[in-house]
Amino acid sequence: LEAELDECRKNWDHRDDFWKDREEELRRILHVEKER
């Protein structure tokens, strides 16, 4: 259970990076659509 908790904490720490990357990708897609 401690190993599982550590894995969840590690994934939670990387969650912000994932959402930042996803947000940048969505902004880029929105910009491309707006330009089109």
PDB file of all heavy atoms in Angstrom:
ATOM      1  N   LEU A   1       0.821  -1.209   0.000  1.00  0.00           N
ATOM      2  CA  LEU A   1       0.000   0.000   0.000  1.00  0.00           C
ATOM      3  C   LEU A   1       0.857   1.261   0.000  1.00  0.00           C
ATOM      4  O   LEU A   1       0.511   2.259  -0.637  1.00  0.00           O
ATOM      5  CB  LEU A   1      -0.951  -0.008   1.198  1.00  0.00           C
ATOM      6  CG  LEU A   1      -2.092  -1.018   1.121  1.00  0.00           C
ATOM      7  CD1 LEU A   1      -2.864  -1.041   2.434  1.00  0.00           C
ATOM      8  CD2 LEU A   1      -3.011  -0.715  -0.030  1.00  0.00           C
ATOM      9  N   GLU A   2       1.977   1.229   0.727  1.00  0.00           N
ATOM     10  CA  GLU A   2       2.883   2.384   0.724  1.00  0.00           C
ATOM     11  C   GLU A   2       3.477   2.604  -0.659  1.00  0.00           C
ATOM     12  O   GLU A   2       3.614   3.745  -1.113  1.00  0.00           O
ATOM     13  CB  GLU A   2       3.986   2.190   1.762  1.00  0.00           C
ATOM     14  CG  GLU A   2       3.517   2.384   3.187  1.00  0.00           C
ATOM     15  CD  GLU A   2       4.591   2.050   4.208  1.00  0.00           C
ATOM     16  OE1 GLU A   2       5.617   1.416   3.843  1.00  0.00           O
ATOM     17  OE2 GLU A   2       4.381   2.407   5.382  1.00  0.00           O
ATOM     18  N   ALA A   3       3.833   1.521  -1.343  1.00  0.00           N
ATOM     19  CA  ALA A   3       4.366   1.647  -2.709  1.00  0.00           C
ATOM     20  C   ALA A   3       3.296   2.225  -3.632  1.00  0.00           C
ATOM     21  O   ALA A   3       3.587   3.080  -4.476  1.00  0.00           O
ATOM     22  CB  ALA A   3       4.843   0.290  -3.216  1.00  0.00           C
ATOM     23  N   GLU A   4       2.062   1.772  -3.470  1.00  0.00           N
ATOM     24  CA  GLU A   4       0.965   2.300  -4.284  1.00  0.00           C
ATOM     25  C   GLU A   4       0.732   3.778  -3.996  1.00  0.00           C
ATOM     26  O   GLU A   4       0.498   4.574  -4.908  1.00  0.00           O
ATOM     27  CB  GLU A   4      -0.307   1.498  -3.994  1.00  0.00           C
ATOM     28  CG  GLU A   4      -1.450   1.803  -4.911  1.00  0.00           C
ATOM     29  CD  GLU A   4      -2.657   0.916  -4.638  1.00  0.00           C
ATOM     30  OE1 GLU A   4      -2.489  -0.194  -4.110  1.00  0.00           O
ATOM     31  OE2 GLU A   4      -3.777   1.349  -4.982  1.00  0.00           O
ATOM     32  N   LEU A   5       0.826   4.153  -2.716  1.00  0.00           N
ATOM     33  CA  LEU A   5       0.671   5.559  -2.337  1.00  0.00           C
ATOM     34  C   LEU A   5       1.791   6.412  -2.935  1.00  0.00           C
ATOM     35  O   LEU A   5       1.541   7.509  -3.442  1.00  0.00           O
ATOM     36  CB  LEU A   5       0.653   5.694  -0.815  1.00  0.00           C
ATOM     37  CG  LEU A   5       0.519   7.104  -0.252  1.00  0.00           C
ATOM     38  CD1 LEU A   5      -0.816   7.721  -0.669  1.00  0.00           C
ATOM     39  CD2 LEU A   5       0.636   7.081   1.264  1.00  0.00           C
ATOM     40  N   ASP A   6       3.019   5.897  -2.897  1.00  0.00           N
ATOM     41  CA  ASP A   6       4.142   6.627  -3.501  1.00  0.00           C
ATOM     42  C   ASP A   6       3.929   6.808  -5.000  1.00  0.00           C
ATOM     43  O   ASP A   6       4.216   7.874  -5.555  1.00  0.00           O
ATOM     44  CB  ASP A   6       5.462   5.893  -3.243  1.00  0.00           C
ATOM     45  CG  ASP A   6       5.887   5.947  -1.784  1.00  0.00           C
ATOM     46  OD1 ASP A   6       5.358   6.824  -1.055  1.00  0.00           O
ATOM     47  OD2 ASP A   6       6.717   5.120  -1.374  1.00  0.00           O
ATOM     48  N   GLU A   7       3.421   5.765  -5.657  1.00  0.00           N
ATOM     49  CA  GLU A   7       3.138   5.851  -7.097  1.00  0.00           C
ATOM     50  C   GLU A   7       2.079   6.919  -7.372  1.00  0.00           C
ATOM     51  O   GLU A   7       2.202   7.707  -8.305  1.00  0.00           O
ATOM     52  CB  GLU A   7       2.679   4.488  -7.608  1.00  0.00           C
ATOM     53  CG  GLU A   7       2.418   4.435  -9.085  1.00  0.00           C
ATOM     54  CD  GLU A   7       3.678   4.491  -9.914  1.00  0.00           C
ATOM     55  OE1 GLU A   7       4.760   4.145  -9.417  1.00  0.00           O
ATOM     56  OE2 GLU A   7       3.591   4.898 -11.084  1.00  0.00           O
ATOM     57  N   CYS A   8       1.039   6.937  -6.535  1.00  0.00           N
ATOM     58  CA  CYS A   8      -0.017   7.946  -6.704  1.00  0.00           C
ATOM     59  C   CYS A   8       0.537   9.350  -6.487  1.00  0.00           C
ATOM     60  O   CYS A   8       0.191  10.277  -7.218  1.00  0.00           O
ATOM     61  CB  CYS A   8      -1.171   7.683  -5.737  1.00  0.00           C
ATOM     62  SG  CYS A   8      -2.183   6.273  -6.189  1.00  0.00           S
ATOM     63  N   ARG A   9       1.378   9.510  -5.478  1.00  0.00           N
ATOM     64  CA  ARG A   9       1.982  10.827  -5.222  1.00  0.00           C
ATOM     65  C   ARG A   9       2.851  11.264  -6.391  1.00  0.00           C
ATOM     66  O   ARG A   9       2.836  12.422  -6.790  1.00  0.00           O
ATOM     67  CB  ARG A   9       2.807  10.789  -3.939  1.00  0.00           C
ATOM     68  CG  ARG A   9       1.968  10.824  -2.704  1.00  0.00           C
ATOM     69  CD  ARG A   9       2.808  10.880  -1.461  1.00  0.00           C
ATOM     70  NE  ARG A   9       1.969  10.906  -0.289  1.00  0.00           N
ATOM     71  CZ  ARG A   9       2.314  10.424   0.881  1.00  0.00           C
ATOM     72  NH1 ARG A   9       3.510   9.887   1.042  1.00  0.00           N
ATOM     73  NH2 ARG A   9       1.495  10.481   1.902  1.00  0.00           N
ATOM     74  N   LYS A  10       3.632  10.307  -6.938  1.00  0.00           N
ATOM     75  CA  LYS A  10       4.495  10.633  -8.079  1.00  0.00           C
ATOM     76  C   LYS A  10       3.640  11.046  -9.271  1.00  0.00           C
ATOM     77  O   LYS A  10       3.936  12.046  -9.934  1.00  0.00           O
ATOM     78  CB  LYS A  10       5.361   9.428  -8.422  1.00  0.00           C
ATOM     79  CG  LYS A  10       6.351   9.693  -9.538  1.00  0.00           C
ATOM     80  CD  LYS A  10       7.167   8.468  -9.825  1.00  0.00           C
ATOM     81  CE  LYS A  10       6.360   7.601 -10.748  1.00  0.00           C
ATOM     82  NZ  LYS A  10       7.049   6.468 -11.305  1.00  0.00           N
ATOM     83  N   ASN A  11       2.574  10.289  -9.528  1.00  0.00           N
ATOM     84  CA  ASN A  11       1.691  10.642 -10.637  1.00  0.00           C
ATOM     85  C   ASN A  11       1.011  11.981 -10.393  1.00  0.00           C
ATOM     86  O   ASN A  11       0.787  12.742 -11.323  1.00  0.00           O
ATOM     87  CB  ASN A  11       0.642   9.548 -10.854  1.00  0.00           C
ATOM     88  CG  ASN A  11       1.255   8.301 -11.437  1.00  0.00           C
ATOM     89  OD1 ASN A  11       2.337   8.330 -12.006  1.00  0.00           O
ATOM     90  ND2 ASN A  11       0.576   7.185 -11.279  1.00  0.00           N
ATOM     91  N   TRP A  12       0.675  12.259  -9.134  1.00  0.00           N
ATOM     92  CA  TRP A  12       0.023  13.532  -8.802  1.00  0.00           C
ATOM     93  C   TRP A  12       0.987  14.690  -9.049  1.00  0.00           C
ATOM     94  O   TRP A  12       0.608  15.745  -9.536  1.00  0.00           O
ATOM     95  CB  TRP A  12      -0.427  13.518  -7.352  1.00  0.00           C
ATOM     96  CG  TRP A  12      -1.218  14.713  -6.985  1.00  0.00           C
ATOM     97  CD1 TRP A  12      -0.785  15.833  -6.333  1.00  0.00           C
ATOM     98  CD2 TRP A  12      -2.602  14.965  -7.257  1.00  0.00           C
ATOM     99  NE1 TRP A  12      -1.792  16.733  -6.178  1.00  0.00           N
ATOM    100  CE2 TRP A  12      -2.923  16.227  -6.739  1.00  0.00           C
ATOM    101  CE3 TRP A  12      -3.589  14.228  -7.902  1.00  0.00           C
ATOM    102  CZ2 TRP A  12      -4.195  16.766  -6.840  1.00  0.00           C
ATOM    103  CZ3 TRP A  12      -4.861  14.771  -7.987  1.00  0.00           C
ATOM    104  CH2 TRP A  12      -5.140  16.026  -7.452  1.00  0.00           C
ATOM    105  N   ASP A  13       2.275  14.477  -8.728  1.00  0.00           N
ATOM    106  CA  ASP A  13       3.272  15.530  -8.959  1.00  0.00           C
ATOM    107  C   ASP A  13       3.442  15.800 -10.450  1.00  0.00           C
ATOM    108  O   ASP A  13       3.649  16.935 -10.863  1.00  0.00           O
ATOM    109  CB  ASP A  13       4.619  15.133  -8.348  1.00  0.00           C
ATOM    110  CG  ASP A  13       4.568  15.110  -6.826  1.00  0.00           C
ATOM    111  OD1 ASP A  13       3.629  15.728  -6.263  1.00  0.00           O
ATOM    112  OD2 ASP A  13       5.436  14.479  -6.211  1.00  0.00           O
ATOM    113  N   HIS A  14       3.368  14.761 -11.277  1.00  0.00           N
ATOM    114  CA  HIS A  14       3.538  14.935 -12.716  1.00  0.00           C
ATOM    115  C   HIS A  14       2.248  15.378 -13.398  1.00  0.00           C
ATOM    116  O   HIS A  14       2.247  15.712 -14.577  1.00  0.00           O
ATOM    117  CB  HIS A  14       4.036  13.648 -13.359  1.00  0.00           C
ATOM    118  CG  HIS A  14       5.411  13.274 -12.930  1.00  0.00           C
ATOM    119  ND1 HIS A  14       6.501  14.077 -13.151  1.00  0.00           N
ATOM    120  CD2 HIS A  14       5.888  12.185 -12.259  1.00  0.00           C
ATOM    121  CE1 HIS A  14       7.584  13.510 -12.652  1.00  0.00           C
ATOM    122  NE2 HIS A  14       7.233  12.370 -12.095  1.00  0.00           N
ATOM    123  N   ARG A  15       1.153  15.369 -12.649  1.00  0.00           N
ATOM    124  CA  ARG A  15      -0.146  15.756 -13.205  1.00  0.00           C
ATOM    125  C   ARG A  15      -0.106  17.195 -13.711  1.00  0.00           C
ATOM    126  O   ARG A  15      -0.617  17.501 -14.785  1.00  0.00           O
ATOM    127  CB  ARG A  15      -1.223  15.617 -12.119  1.00  0.00           C
ATOM    128  CG  ARG A  15      -2.573  16.093 -12.505  1.00  0.00           C
ATOM    129  CD  ARG A  15      -3.490  16.063 -11.299  1.00  0.00           C
ATOM    130  NE  ARG A  15      -2.994  16.854 -10.212  1.00  0.00           N
ATOM    131  CZ  ARG A  15      -3.285  18.144 -10.024  1.00  0.00           C
ATOM    132  NH1 ARG A  15      -4.078  18.767 -10.837  1.00  0.00           N
ATOM    133  NH2 ARG A  15      -2.769  18.809  -9.011  1.00  0.00           N
ATOM    134  N   ASP A  16       0.539  18.098 -12.953  1.00  0.00           N
ATOM    135  CA  ASP A  16       0.621  19.496 -13.374  1.00  0.00           C
ATOM    136  C   ASP A  16       1.337  19.634 -14.708  1.00  0.00           C
ATOM    137  O   ASP A  16       0.903  20.400 -15.573  1.00  0.00           O
ATOM    138  CB  ASP A  16       1.341  20.325 -12.305  1.00  0.00           C
ATOM    139  CG  ASP A  16       0.511  20.470 -11.041  1.00  0.00           C
ATOM    140  OD1 ASP A  16      -0.730  20.329 -11.128  1.00  0.00           O
ATOM    141  OD2 ASP A  16       1.087  20.718  -9.978  1.00  0.00           O
ATOM    142  N   ASP A  17       2.430  18.887 -14.873  1.00  0.00           N
ATOM    143  CA  ASP A  17       3.149  18.931 -16.148  1.00  0.00           C
ATOM    144  C   ASP A  17       2.272  18.443 -17.287  1.00  0.00           C
ATOM    145  O   ASP A  17       2.254  19.033 -18.371  1.00  0.00           O
ATOM    146  CB  ASP A  17       4.416  18.062 -16.077  1.00  0.00           C
ATOM    147  CG  ASP A  17       5.407  18.579 -15.052  1.00  0.00           C
ATOM    148  OD1 ASP A  17       5.335  19.786 -14.734  1.00  0.00           O
ATOM    149  OD2 ASP A  17       6.230  17.780 -14.573  1.00  0.00           O
ATOM    150  N   PHE A  18       1.534  17.368 -17.042  1.00  0.00           N
ATOM    151  CA  PHE A  18       0.649  16.831 -18.078  1.00  0.00           C
ATOM    152  C   PHE A  18      -0.401  17.860 -18.469  1.00  0.00           C
ATOM    153  O   PHE A  18      -0.650  18.089 -19.646  1.00  0.00           O
ATOM    154  CB  PHE A  18      -0.032  15.549 -17.584  1.00  0.00           C
ATOM    155  CG  PHE A  18      -1.138  15.080 -18.484  1.00  0.00           C
ATOM    156  CD1 PHE A  18      -0.842  14.436 -19.681  1.00  0.00           C
ATOM    157  CD2 PHE A  18      -2.464  15.289 -18.156  1.00  0.00           C
ATOM    158  CE1 PHE A  18      -1.854  14.006 -20.517  1.00  0.00           C
ATOM    159  CE2 PHE A  18      -3.485  14.858 -18.989  1.00  0.00           C
ATOM    160  CZ  PHE A  18      -3.174  14.224 -20.170  1.00  0.00           C
ATOM    161  N   TRP A  19      -1.024  18.488 -17.459  1.00  0.00           N
ATOM    162  CA  TRP A  19      -2.081  19.453 -17.772  1.00  0.00           C
ATOM    163  C   TRP A  19      -1.523  20.693 -18.451  1.00  0.00           C
ATOM    164  O   TRP A  19      -2.171  21.279 -19.305  1.00  0.00           O
ATOM    165  CB  TRP A  19      -2.853  19.831 -16.514  1.00  0.00           C
ATOM    166  CG  TRP A  19      -3.831  18.770 -16.143  1.00  0.00           C
ATOM    167  CD1 TRP A  19      -3.785  17.953 -15.060  1.00  0.00           C
ATOM    168  CD2 TRP A  19      -4.989  18.371 -16.877  1.00  0.00           C
ATOM    169  NE1 TRP A  19      -4.831  17.084 -15.068  1.00  0.00           N
ATOM    170  CE2 TRP A  19      -5.596  17.314 -16.179  1.00  0.00           C
ATOM    171  CE3 TRP A  19      -5.571  18.797 -18.072  1.00  0.00           C
ATOM    172  CZ2 TRP A  19      -6.744  16.693 -16.625  1.00  0.00           C
ATOM    173  CZ3 TRP A  19      -6.729  18.172 -18.504  1.00  0.00           C
ATOM    174  CH2 TRP A  19      -7.303  17.140 -17.787  1.00  0.00           C
ATOM    175  N   LYS A  20      -0.305  21.109 -18.092  1.00  0.00           N
ATOM    176  CA  LYS A  20       0.310  22.253 -18.775  1.00  0.00           C
ATOM    177  C   LYS A  20       0.552  21.920 -20.246  1.00  0.00           C
ATOM    178  O   LYS A  20       0.268  22.727 -21.129  1.00  0.00           O
ATOM    179  CB  LYS A  20       1.620  22.634 -18.089  1.00  0.00           C
ATOM    180  CG  LYS A  20       1.415  23.378 -16.792  1.00  0.00           C
ATOM    181  CD  LYS A  20       2.738  23.691 -16.139  1.00  0.00           C
ATOM    182  CE  LYS A  20       2.520  24.307 -14.776  1.00  0.00           C
ATOM    183  NZ  LYS A  20       3.771  24.485 -14.046  1.00  0.00           N
ATOM    184  N   ASP A  21       1.085  20.714 -20.490  1.00  0.00           N
ATOM    185  CA  ASP A  21       1.309  20.294 -21.877  1.00  0.00           C
ATOM    186  C   ASP A  21      -0.007  20.224 -22.633  1.00  0.00           C
ATOM    187  O   ASP A  21      -0.112  20.661 -23.782  1.00  0.00           O
ATOM    188  CB  ASP A  21       1.999  18.924 -21.920  1.00  0.00           C
ATOM    189  CG  ASP A  21       3.414  18.972 -21.387  1.00  0.00           C
ATOM    190  OD1 ASP A  21       3.961  20.091 -21.279  1.00  0.00           O
ATOM    191  OD2 ASP A  21       3.962  17.902 -21.064  1.00  0.00           O
ATOM    192  N   ARG A  22      -1.021  19.677 -22.009  1.00  0.00           N
ATOM    193  CA  ARG A  22      -2.339  19.559 -22.655  1.00  0.00           C
ATOM    194  C   ARG A  22      -2.927  20.942 -22.924  1.00  0.00           C
ATOM    195  O   ARG A  22      -3.504  21.182 -23.988  1.00  0.00           O
ATOM    196  CB  ARG A  22      -3.268  18.743 -21.744  1.00  0.00           C
ATOM    197  CG  ARG A  22      -4.635  18.526 -22.310  1.00  0.00           C
ATOM    198  CD  ARG A  22      -4.600  17.560 -23.464  1.00  0.00           C
ATOM    199  NE  ARG A  22      -5.959  17.355 -23.941  1.00  0.00           N
ATOM    200  CZ  ARG A  22      -6.300  17.179 -25.180  1.00  0.00           C
ATOM    201  NH1 ARG A  22      -5.366  17.131 -26.109  1.00  0.00           N
ATOM    202  NH2 ARG A  22      -7.536  17.016 -25.536  1.00  0.00           N
ATOM    203  N   GLU A  23      -2.766  21.857 -21.964  1.00  0.00           N
ATOM    204  CA  GLU A  23      -3.286  23.218 -22.143  1.00  0.00           C
ATOM    205  C   GLU A  23      -2.575  23.922 -23.299  1.00  0.00           C
ATOM    206  O   GLU A  23      -3.221  24.582 -24.123  1.00  0.00           O
ATOM    207  CB  GLU A  23      -3.099  24.001 -20.841  1.00  0.00           C
ATOM    208  CG  GLU A  23      -3.697  25.370 -20.859  1.00  0.00           C
ATOM    209  CD  GLU A  23      -3.499  26.101 -19.545  1.00  0.00           C
ATOM    210  OE1 GLU A  23      -2.789  25.597 -18.664  1.00  0.00           O
ATOM    211  OE2 GLU A  23      -4.057  27.202 -19.423  1.00  0.00           O
ATOM    212  N   GLU A  24      -1.252  23.753 -23.382  1.00  0.00           N
ATOM    213  CA  GLU A  24      -0.505  24.356 -24.491  1.00  0.00           C
ATOM    214  C   GLU A  24      -0.958  23.774 -25.829  1.00  0.00           C
ATOM    215  O   GLU A  24      -1.111  24.506 -26.818  1.00  0.00           O
ATOM    216  CB  GLU A  24       0.992  24.124 -24.291  1.00  0.00           C
ATOM    217  CG  GLU A  24       1.593  24.981 -23.188  1.00  0.00           C
ATOM    218  CD  GLU A  24       3.046  24.609 -22.924  1.00  0.00           C
ATOM    219  OE1 GLU A  24       3.656  23.906 -23.755  1.00  0.00           O
ATOM    220  OE2 GLU A  24       3.558  25.027 -21.877  1.00  0.00           O
ATOM    221  N   GLU A  25      -1.175  22.478 -25.858  1.00  0.00           N
ATOM    222  CA  GLU A  25      -1.627  21.846 -27.096  1.00  0.00           C
ATOM    223  C   GLU A  25      -3.007  22.368 -27.502  1.00  0.00           C
ATOM    224  O   GLU A  25      -3.247  22.681 -28.668  1.00  0.00           O
ATOM    225  CB  GLU A  25      -1.686  20.328 -26.900  1.00  0.00           C
ATOM    226  CG  GLU A  25      -2.139  19.579 -28.131  1.00  0.00           C
ATOM    227  CD  GLU A  25      -2.251  18.087 -27.881  1.00  0.00           C
ATOM    228  OE1 GLU A  25      -1.813  17.598 -26.828  1.00  0.00           O
ATOM    229  OE2 GLU A  25      -2.807  17.421 -28.769  1.00  0.00           O
ATOM    230  N   LEU A  26      -3.901  22.500 -26.540  1.00  0.00           N
ATOM    231  CA  LEU A  26      -5.238  23.016 -26.845  1.00  0.00           C
ATOM    232  C   LEU A  26      -5.184  24.471 -27.298  1.00  0.00           C
ATOM    233  O   LEU A  26      -5.920  24.869 -28.206  1.00  0.00           O
ATOM    234  CB  LEU A  26      -6.150  22.870 -25.623  1.00  0.00           C
ATOM    235  CG  LEU A  26      -6.564  21.440 -25.280  1.00  0.00           C
ATOM    236  CD1 LEU A  26      -7.336  21.416 -23.977  1.00  0.00           C
ATOM    237  CD2 LEU A  26      -7.377  20.822 -26.387  1.00  0.00           C
ATOM    238  N   ARG A  27      -4.314  25.263 -26.684  1.00  0.00           N
ATOM    239  CA  ARG A  27      -4.164  26.658 -27.120  1.00  0.00           C
ATOM    240  C   ARG A  27      -3.645  26.725 -28.550  1.00  0.00           C
ATOM    241  O   ARG A  27      -4.093  27.542 -29.353  1.00  0.00           O
ATOM    242  CB  ARG A  27      -3.207  27.404 -26.186  1.00  0.00           C
ATOM    243  CG  ARG A  27      -3.861  27.821 -24.916  1.00  0.00           C
ATOM    244  CD  ARG A  27      -2.974  28.733 -24.122  1.00  0.00           C
ATOM    245  NE  ARG A  27      -3.660  29.112 -22.905  1.00  0.00           N
ATOM    246  CZ  ARG A  27      -3.070  29.408 -21.786  1.00  0.00           C
ATOM    247  NH1 ARG A  27      -1.754  29.388 -21.720  1.00  0.00           N
ATOM    248  NH2 ARG A  27      -3.758  29.749 -20.721  1.00  0.00           N
ATOM    249  N   ARG A  28      -2.683  25.868 -28.856  1.00  0.00           N
ATOM    250  CA  ARG A  28      -2.137  25.841 -30.216  1.00  0.00           C
ATOM    251  C   ARG A  28      -3.221  25.449 -31.220  1.00  0.00           C
ATOM    252  O   ARG A  28      -3.373  26.075 -32.272  1.00  0.00           O
ATOM    253  CB  ARG A  28      -0.961  24.862 -30.281  1.00  0.00           C
ATOM    254  CG  ARG A  28      -0.275  24.820 -31.635  1.00  0.00           C
ATOM    255  CD  ARG A  28       0.760  23.722 -31.702  1.00  0.00           C
ATOM    256  NE  ARG A  28       0.225  22.409 -31.426  1.00  0.00           N
ATOM    257  CZ  ARG A  28      -0.484  21.682 -32.290  1.00  0.00           C
ATOM    258  NH1 ARG A  28      -0.769  22.155 -33.484  1.00  0.00           N
ATOM    259  NH2 ARG A  28      -0.918  20.485 -31.962  1.00  0.00           N
ATOM    260  N   ILE A  29      -3.989  24.421 -30.896  1.00  0.00           N
ATOM    261  CA  ILE A  29      -5.068  23.985 -31.782  1.00  0.00           C
ATOM    262  C   ILE A  29      -6.095  25.099 -31.953  1.00  0.00           C
ATOM    263  O   ILE A  29      -6.562  25.368 -33.070  1.00  0.00           O
ATOM    264  CB  ILE A  29      -5.729  22.702 -31.226  1.00  0.00           C
ATOM    265  CG1 ILE A  29      -4.767  21.525 -31.347  1.00  0.00           C
ATOM    266  CG2 ILE A  29      -7.030  22.399 -31.950  1.00  0.00           C
ATOM    267  CD1 ILE A  29      -5.220  20.276 -30.619  1.00  0.00           C
ATOM    268  N   LEU A  30      -6.440  25.763 -30.862  1.00  0.00           N
ATOM    269  CA  LEU A  30      -7.402  26.864 -30.929  1.00  0.00           C
ATOM    270  C   LEU A  30      -6.864  27.992 -31.795  1.00  0.00           C
ATOM    271  O   LEU A  30      -7.599  28.571 -32.615  1.00  0.00           O
ATOM    272  CB  LEU A  30      -7.715  27.377 -29.517  1.00  0.00           C
ATOM    273  CG  LEU A  30      -8.724  28.500 -29.405  1.00  0.00           C
ATOM    274  CD1 LEU A  30     -10.089  28.047 -29.898  1.00  0.00           C
ATOM    275  CD2 LEU A  30      -8.820  28.986 -27.971  1.00  0.00           C
ATOM    276  N   HIS A  31      -5.572  28.302 -31.645  1.00  0.00           N
ATOM    277  CA  HIS A  31      -4.957  29.362 -32.445  1.00  0.00           C
ATOM    278  C   HIS A  31      -4.995  28.988 -33.929  1.00  0.00           C
ATOM    279  O   HIS A  31      -5.323  29.833 -34.789  1.00  0.00           O
ATOM    280  CB  HIS A  31      -3.518  29.590 -31.979  1.00  0.00           C
ATOM    281  CG  HIS A  31      -2.816  30.669 -32.731  1.00  0.00           C
ATOM    282  ND1 HIS A  31      -3.131  31.996 -32.603  1.00  0.00           N
ATOM    283  CD2 HIS A  31      -1.806  30.614 -33.635  1.00  0.00           C
ATOM    284  CE1 HIS A  31      -2.356  32.709 -33.392  1.00  0.00           C
ATOM    285  NE2 HIS A  31      -1.540  31.902 -34.036  1.00  0.00           N
ATOM    286  N   VAL A  32      -4.689  27.748 -34.255  1.00  0.00           N
ATOM    287  CA  VAL A  32      -4.711  27.295 -35.652  1.00  0.00           C
ATOM    288  C   VAL A  32      -6.128  27.389 -36.215  1.00  0.00           C
ATOM    289  O   VAL A  32      -6.344  27.872 -37.338  1.00  0.00           O
ATOM    290  CB  VAL A  32      -4.165  25.853 -35.764  1.00  0.00           C
ATOM    291  CG1 VAL A  32      -4.470  25.246 -37.114  1.00  0.00           C
ATOM    292  CG2 VAL A  32      -2.670  25.824 -35.485  1.00  0.00           C
ATOM    293  N   GLU A  33      -7.106  26.951 -35.429  1.00  0.00           N
ATOM    294  CA  GLU A  33      -8.503  27.029 -35.879  1.00  0.00           C
ATOM    295  C   GLU A  33      -8.936  28.476 -36.071  1.00  0.00           C
ATOM    296  O   GLU A  33      -9.624  28.814 -37.044  1.00  0.00           O
ATOM    297  CB  GLU A  33      -9.432  26.336 -34.867  1.00  0.00           C
ATOM    298  CG  GLU A  33      -9.314  24.838 -34.835  1.00  0.00           C
ATOM    299  CD  GLU A  33      -9.799  24.201 -36.116  1.00  0.00           C
ATOM    300  OE1 GLU A  33     -10.803  24.680 -36.687  1.00  0.00           O
ATOM    301  OE2 GLU A  33      -9.170  23.220 -36.552  1.00  0.00           O
ATOM    302  N   LYS A  34      -8.523  29.342 -35.155  1.00  0.00           N
ATOM    303  CA  LYS A  34      -8.888  30.757 -35.247  1.00  0.00           C
ATOM    304  C   LYS A  34      -8.263  31.380 -36.489  1.00  0.00           C
ATOM    305  O   LYS A  34      -8.924  32.144 -37.212  1.00  0.00           O
ATOM    306  CB  LYS A  34      -8.410  31.493 -33.993  1.00  0.00           C
ATOM    307  CG  LYS A  34      -9.121  32.798 -33.748  1.00  0.00           C
ATOM    308  CD  LYS A  34      -8.542  33.526 -32.544  1.00  0.00           C
ATOM    309  CE  LYS A  34      -9.045  32.937 -31.272  1.00  0.00           C
ATOM    310  NZ  LYS A  34      -8.593  33.698 -30.083  1.00  0.00           N
ATOM    311  N   GLU A  35      -6.995  31.048 -36.757  1.00  0.00           N
ATOM    312  CA  GLU A  35      -6.323  31.565 -37.951  1.00  0.00           C
ATOM    313  C   GLU A  35      -7.011  31.062 -39.220  1.00  0.00           C
ATOM    314  O   GLU A  35      -7.202  31.813 -40.178  1.00  0.00           O
ATOM    315  CB  GLU A  35      -4.843  31.156 -37.954  1.00  0.00           C
ATOM    316  CG  GLU A  35      -4.001  31.880 -36.948  1.00  0.00           C
ATOM    317  CD  GLU A  35      -3.901  33.364 -37.240  1.00  0.00           C
ATOM    318  OE1 GLU A  35      -3.784  33.747 -38.424  1.00  0.00           O
ATOM    319  OE2 GLU A  35      -3.945  34.149 -36.275  1.00  0.00           O
ATOM    320  N   ARG A  36      -7.422  29.810 -39.224  1.00  0.00           N
ATOM    321  CA  ARG A  36      -8.105  29.239 -40.382  1.00  0.00           C
ATOM    322  C   ARG A  36      -9.439  29.951 -40.602  1.00  0.00           C
ATOM    323  O   ARG A  36      -9.784  30.301 -41.734  1.00  0.00           O
ATOM    324  CB  ARG A  36      -8.325  27.741 -40.170  1.00  0.00           C
ATOM    325  CG  ARG A  36      -8.876  27.047 -41.402  1.00  0.00           C
ATOM    326  CD  ARG A  36      -9.059  25.552 -41.199  1.00  0.00           C
ATOM    327  NE  ARG A  36      -7.799  24.919 -40.845  1.00  0.00           N
ATOM    328  CZ  ARG A  36      -7.688  23.917 -39.977  1.00  0.00           C
ATOM    329  NH1 ARG A  36      -8.756  23.447 -39.378  1.00  0.00           N
ATOM    330  NH2 ARG A  36      -6.519  23.393 -39.714  1.00  0.00           N
TER     331      ARG A  36
END
